[in-house]
N, C-alpha and C. Protein backbone atom coordinates (compact mmCIF):
# COMPACT_ATOMS: atom_id res chain seq x y z
N MET A 1 100.30 90.62 104.44
CA MET A 1 101.55 90.86 104.97
C MET A 1 102.06 90.10 105.86
N GLU A 2 102.98 89.07 105.88
CA GLU A 2 103.84 88.58 106.61
C GLU A 2 105.03 88.98 107.26
N GLU A 3 105.32 88.51 108.54
CA GLU A 3 106.34 88.73 108.85
C GLU A 3 106.94 87.91 109.81
N VAL A 4 108.30 87.61 110.27
CA VAL A 4 108.78 86.37 110.97
C VAL A 4 109.39 86.90 111.64
N GLY A 5 109.11 86.36 113.22
CA GLY A 5 109.84 86.62 114.44
C GLY A 5 109.74 86.09 115.49
N ILE A 6 109.91 86.28 116.59
CA ILE A 6 110.49 85.24 117.76
C ILE A 6 109.42 85.57 119.02
N VAL A 7 108.70 84.55 119.60
CA VAL A 7 107.61 84.96 120.68
C VAL A 7 108.82 85.59 121.91
N LYS A 8 108.33 86.47 122.22
CA LYS A 8 109.16 87.28 123.45
C LYS A 8 108.37 86.88 124.83
N SER A 9 106.74 86.95 125.05
CA SER A 9 106.04 86.24 126.13
C SER A 9 104.56 85.87 125.43
N VAL A 10 104.00 85.24 126.18
CA VAL A 10 102.91 84.75 126.12
C VAL A 10 101.77 85.46 126.77
N GLU A 11 100.76 86.02 126.67
CA GLU A 11 99.52 86.47 127.57
C GLU A 11 98.52 86.08 127.38
N GLY A 12 97.88 85.01 127.49
CA GLY A 12 96.75 84.59 127.44
C GLY A 12 96.47 83.93 126.01
N VAL A 13 95.65 84.67 125.20
CA VAL A 13 95.23 84.70 123.52
C VAL A 13 96.32 84.96 122.93
N THR A 14 97.01 86.01 123.71
CA THR A 14 97.89 87.00 122.75
C THR A 14 99.54 86.58 123.17
N ALA A 15 100.46 87.08 122.00
CA ALA A 15 101.93 87.05 122.19
C ALA A 15 102.62 88.24 121.77
N LYS A 16 103.44 88.37 122.37
CA LYS A 16 104.10 89.51 122.20
C LYS A 16 105.42 89.01 121.00
N VAL A 17 105.35 89.70 119.84
CA VAL A 17 106.60 88.71 119.21
C VAL A 17 107.74 89.99 118.42
N LEU A 18 108.46 89.64 118.39
CA LEU A 18 109.83 90.95 117.89
C LEU A 18 110.15 90.63 116.40
N VAL A 19 109.61 91.10 115.49
CA VAL A 19 109.62 91.30 114.24
C VAL A 19 110.82 91.99 113.91
N GLU A 20 111.67 91.87 112.83
CA GLU A 20 112.73 92.72 112.04
C GLU A 20 112.13 94.02 111.88
N ARG A 21 112.93 95.10 112.45
CA ARG A 21 112.70 96.46 112.00
C ARG A 21 112.41 97.03 110.92
N LYS A 22 111.49 97.67 109.95
CA LYS A 22 111.65 98.26 109.10
C LYS A 22 111.86 99.34 108.79
N SER A 23 112.03 100.40 107.68
CA SER A 23 112.38 101.58 107.84
C SER A 23 110.96 102.79 107.81
N ALA A 24 109.57 101.56 107.54
CA ALA A 24 108.32 102.55 107.50
C ALA A 24 108.01 102.29 109.31
N CYS A 25 108.73 101.99 110.18
CA CYS A 25 108.61 101.44 111.57
C CYS A 25 108.93 102.81 112.29
N ASP A 26 109.87 103.27 111.57
CA ASP A 26 110.44 104.95 112.60
C ASP A 26 109.62 105.96 112.38
N LYS A 27 108.62 105.98 111.29
CA LYS A 27 107.40 106.58 111.68
C LYS A 27 106.42 106.23 111.82
N CYS A 28 106.12 104.97 112.09
CA CYS A 28 104.79 104.29 112.55
C CYS A 28 104.87 104.45 113.92
N ARG A 29 103.59 104.73 114.73
CA ARG A 29 103.44 104.35 116.52
C ARG A 29 102.40 103.59 116.55
N GLU A 30 102.05 102.66 115.75
CA GLU A 30 100.84 102.12 116.12
C GLU A 30 101.08 100.75 116.95
N GLY A 31 100.65 101.10 117.93
CA GLY A 31 100.77 99.61 118.50
C GLY A 31 102.05 98.87 119.02
N CYS A 32 103.11 99.33 118.55
CA CYS A 32 104.47 98.61 118.42
C CYS A 32 105.39 99.37 119.11
N HIS A 33 106.23 98.64 119.67
CA HIS A 33 107.41 99.11 120.36
C HIS A 33 108.43 98.89 119.76
N VAL A 34 109.32 100.12 119.02
CA VAL A 34 110.27 99.84 118.25
C VAL A 34 111.52 99.96 118.85
N SER A 35 112.50 99.25 119.06
CA SER A 35 113.75 99.49 119.16
C SER A 35 115.04 98.83 118.07
N ASP A 36 115.92 98.98 118.28
CA ASP A 36 117.10 98.61 117.65
C ASP A 36 117.17 97.24 117.40
N ALA A 37 116.30 96.45 118.11
CA ALA A 37 116.60 94.89 117.77
C ALA A 37 115.33 94.45 117.05
N GLY A 38 114.19 95.47 117.01
CA GLY A 38 113.30 95.23 116.14
C GLY A 38 111.57 96.28 116.50
N ALA A 39 110.73 95.16 115.69
CA ALA A 39 109.57 96.03 116.51
C ALA A 39 108.97 95.00 117.09
N LEU A 40 108.52 95.12 118.46
CA LEU A 40 107.67 94.15 119.52
C LEU A 40 106.31 94.49 119.00
N ILE A 41 105.59 93.34 118.75
CA ILE A 41 103.98 93.65 118.46
C ILE A 41 103.26 92.66 118.93
N GLU A 42 101.88 92.87 118.99
CA GLU A 42 100.94 91.88 119.97
C GLU A 42 100.35 91.40 118.75
N ALA A 43 100.14 90.06 119.09
CA ALA A 43 99.58 89.37 117.85
C ALA A 43 98.53 88.11 118.40
N LEU A 44 97.37 87.87 118.12
CA LEU A 44 96.93 86.84 118.62
C LEU A 44 97.54 85.23 118.24
N ASN A 45 97.83 84.73 119.49
CA ASN A 45 98.17 83.21 119.18
C ASN A 45 97.84 81.95 118.94
N ILE A 46 96.90 82.13 117.39
CA ILE A 46 96.27 80.95 117.29
C ILE A 46 96.93 79.45 117.28
N ALA A 47 97.99 79.88 116.67
CA ALA A 47 99.21 78.91 116.74
C ALA A 47 99.72 77.96 118.18
N LYS A 48 99.51 78.78 119.09
CA LYS A 48 99.97 78.09 120.55
C LYS A 48 101.34 78.50 120.38
N ALA A 49 101.72 79.27 120.13
CA ALA A 49 103.22 79.38 120.28
C ALA A 49 103.63 79.58 121.66
N LYS A 50 104.99 79.12 121.86
CA LYS A 50 105.65 79.64 123.23
C LYS A 50 106.70 79.99 123.33
N GLU A 51 107.01 80.97 123.96
CA GLU A 51 108.12 81.80 124.57
C GLU A 51 109.29 81.52 123.60
N GLY A 52 109.94 82.03 122.59
CA GLY A 52 111.37 81.70 122.21
C GLY A 52 111.23 80.73 121.03
N GLN A 53 109.72 80.64 120.26
CA GLN A 53 109.44 79.96 119.41
C GLN A 53 109.71 81.00 118.37
N LYS A 54 110.18 80.53 116.99
CA LYS A 54 110.29 81.36 115.35
C LYS A 54 108.90 81.24 114.87
N VAL A 55 108.04 82.17 114.64
CA VAL A 55 107.04 82.10 114.30
C VAL A 55 106.76 82.82 113.06
N LYS A 56 105.18 82.65 112.18
CA LYS A 56 104.85 83.51 111.13
C LYS A 56 104.02 84.37 111.68
N VAL A 57 104.08 85.55 111.30
CA VAL A 57 102.76 86.77 111.68
C VAL A 57 102.17 87.32 110.12
N VAL A 58 101.18 87.01 110.50
CA VAL A 58 99.92 87.80 109.13
C VAL A 58 98.98 88.88 109.53
N PHE A 59 99.28 89.73 108.88
CA PHE A 59 98.46 90.90 108.99
C PHE A 59 97.30 90.95 107.91
N LYS A 60 96.61 91.24 108.34
CA LYS A 60 95.09 90.60 107.39
C LYS A 60 95.20 92.10 106.54
N SER A 61 95.39 91.95 105.08
CA SER A 61 95.36 92.88 103.94
C SER A 61 94.15 94.27 104.25
N TYR A 62 92.77 93.68 104.30
CA TYR A 62 92.14 94.60 104.37
C TYR A 62 92.14 95.36 105.77
N THR A 63 92.68 94.83 107.03
CA THR A 63 92.90 95.76 107.93
C THR A 63 94.28 96.94 107.62
N TYR A 64 94.80 96.22 106.82
CA TYR A 64 95.86 97.08 106.40
C TYR A 64 95.32 98.44 105.91
N LEU A 65 94.94 97.90 104.82
CA LEU A 65 94.14 98.89 103.72
C LEU A 65 93.33 99.83 104.38
N LYS A 66 92.77 99.28 105.71
CA LYS A 66 91.37 100.38 106.13
C LYS A 66 92.39 101.49 106.96
N GLY A 67 93.44 100.75 107.64
CA GLY A 67 94.40 101.78 108.37
C GLY A 67 95.26 102.71 107.45
N THR A 68 95.55 102.52 106.59
CA THR A 68 96.09 103.12 105.42
C THR A 68 95.30 104.74 105.32
N ILE A 69 94.26 104.22 104.84
CA ILE A 69 93.27 104.99 104.32
C ILE A 69 92.61 105.79 105.86
N LEU A 70 92.47 105.47 106.77
CA LEU A 70 92.36 106.26 108.32
C LEU A 70 93.48 107.31 108.56
N VAL A 71 94.68 106.62 108.16
CA VAL A 71 95.67 107.36 108.64
C VAL A 71 96.25 108.46 107.27
N TYR A 72 96.39 108.15 106.58
CA TYR A 72 96.71 109.31 105.19
C TYR A 72 95.35 109.70 104.67
N GLY A 73 94.69 108.79 104.24
CA GLY A 73 93.75 109.22 103.15
C GLY A 73 92.52 110.19 103.84
N LEU A 74 92.11 109.84 104.88
CA LEU A 74 91.08 111.05 105.18
C LEU A 74 91.46 112.43 105.56
N PRO A 75 92.71 112.29 106.33
CA PRO A 75 93.04 113.63 106.57
C PRO A 75 93.39 114.39 105.41
N ALA A 76 94.25 114.00 104.42
CA ALA A 76 94.03 114.41 102.88
C ALA A 76 93.23 115.13 102.54
N LEU A 77 92.00 114.46 102.45
CA LEU A 77 90.42 114.86 101.79
C LEU A 77 90.23 115.68 102.70
N ALA A 78 90.11 115.95 104.27
CA ALA A 78 89.70 116.83 104.93
C ALA A 78 90.83 118.22 104.82
N LEU A 79 91.86 118.18 104.62
CA LEU A 79 92.44 119.36 104.13
C LEU A 79 91.76 120.05 102.77
N ILE A 80 91.83 119.19 102.09
CA ILE A 80 91.31 119.88 100.55
C ILE A 80 89.86 120.30 101.01
N ILE A 81 88.99 119.71 101.56
CA ILE A 81 87.78 119.97 101.90
C ILE A 81 87.51 121.32 102.72
N GLY A 82 88.89 121.08 103.71
CA GLY A 82 88.36 122.39 104.69
C GLY A 82 88.82 123.63 104.11
N ALA A 83 89.92 123.51 103.09
CA ALA A 83 90.23 124.30 102.41
C ALA A 83 89.45 125.34 101.46
N VAL A 84 88.55 124.39 100.94
CA VAL A 84 87.63 124.82 99.99
C VAL A 84 86.29 125.61 100.76
N LEU A 85 86.00 125.04 101.62
CA LEU A 85 84.90 125.27 102.50
C LEU A 85 84.96 126.80 103.37
N GLY A 86 86.75 126.78 103.39
CA GLY A 86 87.06 127.83 104.71
C GLY A 86 87.43 128.88 103.56
N LYS A 87 87.41 128.97 102.11
CA LYS A 87 87.58 130.08 101.30
C LYS A 87 85.75 130.19 100.80
N GLU A 88 85.27 129.55 100.68
CA GLU A 88 83.75 129.53 100.35
C GLU A 88 82.97 130.44 101.34
N PHE A 89 82.90 129.63 102.74
CA PHE A 89 81.90 130.15 103.75
C PHE A 89 82.95 131.16 104.86
N LEU A 90 83.89 130.93 105.13
CA LEU A 90 84.37 131.81 106.35
C LEU A 90 84.61 133.37 106.11
N PRO A 91 84.57 133.91 104.65
CA PRO A 91 84.80 135.19 104.40
C PRO A 91 83.53 135.46 104.63
N ARG A 92 82.50 135.19 104.80
CA ARG A 92 81.07 135.52 105.28
C ARG A 92 80.85 135.99 106.75
N ILE A 93 81.70 134.96 107.59
CA ILE A 93 81.88 135.19 108.83
C ILE A 93 83.22 136.34 109.30
N PHE A 94 84.30 136.17 108.66
CA PHE A 94 85.37 137.60 109.20
C PHE A 94 85.52 137.74 107.69
N SER A 95 84.84 139.06 107.56
CA SER A 95 84.54 139.65 106.21
C SER A 95 85.70 140.62 106.24
N GLY A 96 86.61 140.98 106.76
CA GLY A 96 87.70 141.92 106.37
C GLY A 96 88.99 140.79 106.13
N ALA A 97 88.88 139.67 106.43
CA ALA A 97 90.01 138.82 106.38
C ALA A 97 90.58 138.25 104.77
N ASP A 98 91.75 137.95 104.91
CA ASP A 98 92.06 137.57 103.44
C ASP A 98 91.43 136.24 102.70
N PRO A 99 90.75 135.74 102.20
CA PRO A 99 90.14 134.23 101.63
C PRO A 99 91.04 133.42 101.45
N ASP A 100 92.31 133.72 101.01
CA ASP A 100 93.30 132.82 101.00
C ASP A 100 94.29 132.39 102.66
N LEU A 101 93.91 133.20 103.46
CA LEU A 101 94.24 133.02 104.59
C LEU A 101 93.05 132.22 105.30
N LEU A 102 92.03 132.50 105.14
CA LEU A 102 90.80 131.71 105.93
C LEU A 102 90.70 130.31 105.23
N SER A 103 91.16 130.25 103.86
CA SER A 103 91.02 128.91 103.26
C SER A 103 92.09 128.02 103.90
N ALA A 104 93.33 128.77 104.18
CA ALA A 104 94.53 127.81 104.90
C ALA A 104 93.77 127.43 106.41
N VAL A 105 93.59 128.63 106.91
CA VAL A 105 93.17 128.08 108.39
C VAL A 105 91.70 127.09 108.37
N GLY A 106 91.30 127.11 107.62
CA GLY A 106 89.74 125.83 107.13
C GLY A 106 90.49 124.39 107.00
N GLY A 107 91.51 124.67 106.27
CA GLY A 107 92.27 123.37 105.19
C GLY A 107 92.92 122.66 106.41
N PHE A 108 94.01 123.52 107.06
CA PHE A 108 94.53 122.78 108.07
C PHE A 108 93.90 122.60 109.57
N GLY A 109 92.60 123.60 109.87
CA GLY A 109 91.96 122.97 110.91
C GLY A 109 91.05 121.87 111.04
N LEU A 110 90.41 121.42 109.64
CA LEU A 110 89.74 120.12 109.71
C LEU A 110 90.84 119.09 109.38
N PHE A 111 91.86 119.56 108.73
CA PHE A 111 93.09 118.60 108.97
C PHE A 111 93.37 118.07 110.19
N ILE A 112 93.69 119.10 111.28
CA ILE A 112 94.04 118.66 112.41
C ILE A 112 93.01 117.81 113.40
N LEU A 113 91.74 118.22 113.17
CA LEU A 113 90.52 117.46 113.62
C LEU A 113 90.23 116.24 113.26
N THR A 114 90.55 116.14 111.79
CA THR A 114 90.80 114.79 111.65
C THR A 114 91.72 113.76 111.78
N VAL A 115 92.84 114.38 112.19
CA VAL A 115 93.76 113.48 112.36
C VAL A 115 93.61 113.04 114.25
N ILE A 116 93.63 114.25 114.81
CA ILE A 116 92.92 113.78 116.02
C ILE A 116 91.80 112.55 116.10
N ALA A 117 90.86 112.78 115.18
CA ALA A 117 89.69 111.56 115.51
C ALA A 117 90.02 110.51 114.76
N ALA A 118 91.22 110.09 113.87
CA ALA A 118 91.87 108.99 113.50
C ALA A 118 92.28 108.47 114.58
N ARG A 119 93.23 109.27 115.29
CA ARG A 119 94.22 108.74 116.42
C ARG A 119 93.19 108.04 117.50
N LEU A 120 92.16 108.92 117.70
CA LEU A 120 91.35 108.64 119.06
C LEU A 120 90.34 107.05 118.55
N PHE A 121 89.87 107.06 117.26
CA PHE A 121 89.63 105.74 116.61
C PHE A 121 90.28 104.57 116.57
N SER A 122 91.67 104.59 116.05
CA SER A 122 92.80 103.69 116.11
C SER A 122 93.01 103.17 117.48
N LEU A 123 92.97 103.97 118.55
CA LEU A 123 93.30 103.26 119.74
C LEU A 123 92.03 102.82 120.09
N ARG A 124 90.90 103.05 119.92
CA ARG A 124 89.82 102.38 120.44
C ARG A 124 89.99 101.20 119.48
N MET A 125 90.25 100.91 118.48
CA MET A 125 90.15 99.81 117.36
C MET A 125 91.40 98.60 117.87
N GLU A 126 92.41 99.39 118.57
CA GLU A 126 93.45 98.61 118.79
C GLU A 126 93.62 97.37 119.58
N LYS A 127 91.90 97.74 120.25
CA LYS A 127 91.71 96.95 121.39
C LYS A 127 91.19 95.96 120.94
N ASN A 128 90.18 95.56 119.91
CA ASN A 128 89.31 94.76 119.04
C ASN A 128 90.41 93.90 118.47
N THR A 129 90.21 92.21 118.85
CA THR A 129 91.60 91.61 118.36
C THR A 129 90.87 91.40 116.93
N GLU A 130 90.03 92.01 116.30
CA GLU A 130 89.77 91.60 114.84
C GLU A 130 90.96 92.10 114.09
N TYR A 131 91.01 93.56 114.67
CA TYR A 131 92.38 94.07 113.82
C TYR A 131 93.70 93.73 114.21
N LYS A 132 93.92 92.93 115.17
CA LYS A 132 95.19 92.29 115.37
C LYS A 132 95.54 91.48 114.56
N PRO A 133 96.96 91.24 114.49
CA PRO A 133 97.76 90.44 113.56
C PRO A 133 97.80 89.16 114.08
N VAL A 134 97.96 88.14 113.62
CA VAL A 134 97.51 86.41 114.12
C VAL A 134 99.03 85.66 113.63
N ILE A 135 99.54 85.01 114.74
CA ILE A 135 100.35 83.83 114.40
C ILE A 135 99.74 82.98 113.72
N GLU A 136 100.05 82.89 112.90
CA GLU A 136 99.58 81.55 111.67
C GLU A 136 99.88 80.19 112.09
N GLU A 137 101.38 79.98 112.13
CA GLU A 137 102.48 79.04 112.22
C GLU A 137 103.40 79.71 113.15
N ILE A 138 103.92 77.76 113.34
CA ILE A 138 105.36 77.73 114.37
C ILE A 138 106.15 77.35 113.29
N ILE A 139 107.27 78.29 113.11
CA ILE A 139 108.24 77.81 112.05
C ILE A 139 109.45 76.89 112.64
N GLU A 140 109.83 77.04 113.56
CA GLU A 140 111.02 76.29 114.17
C GLU A 140 110.20 75.57 115.40
């Protein structure tokens, strides 16, 4: 995945780059500051770009795939597993309760726990430079 943007500031080995805002930016809040002007992202500055230069920013595809699985795949799987476990095991603990209600509680409970865990994990990974986008080249 590649984006073209303008370097707004340089801080050591990283730079803040303003890239065009996409429709997906409205739903995503991962490490970007979204405004009407665009999305401000932090990227590794291996091209040694300076403030005001137009650059090509590359997002590693495996990182994007890992993030997608973490944010969407695991919570969806947890919802299904929680629903099944809730229907099978929670009626043994809560004997008078409706099994369908317990299934919903189990599914949404495990879903919420997984979303929280994924958010905490993504905050920790955000600090890791391996997962940051990279400024690959200066265009102008």
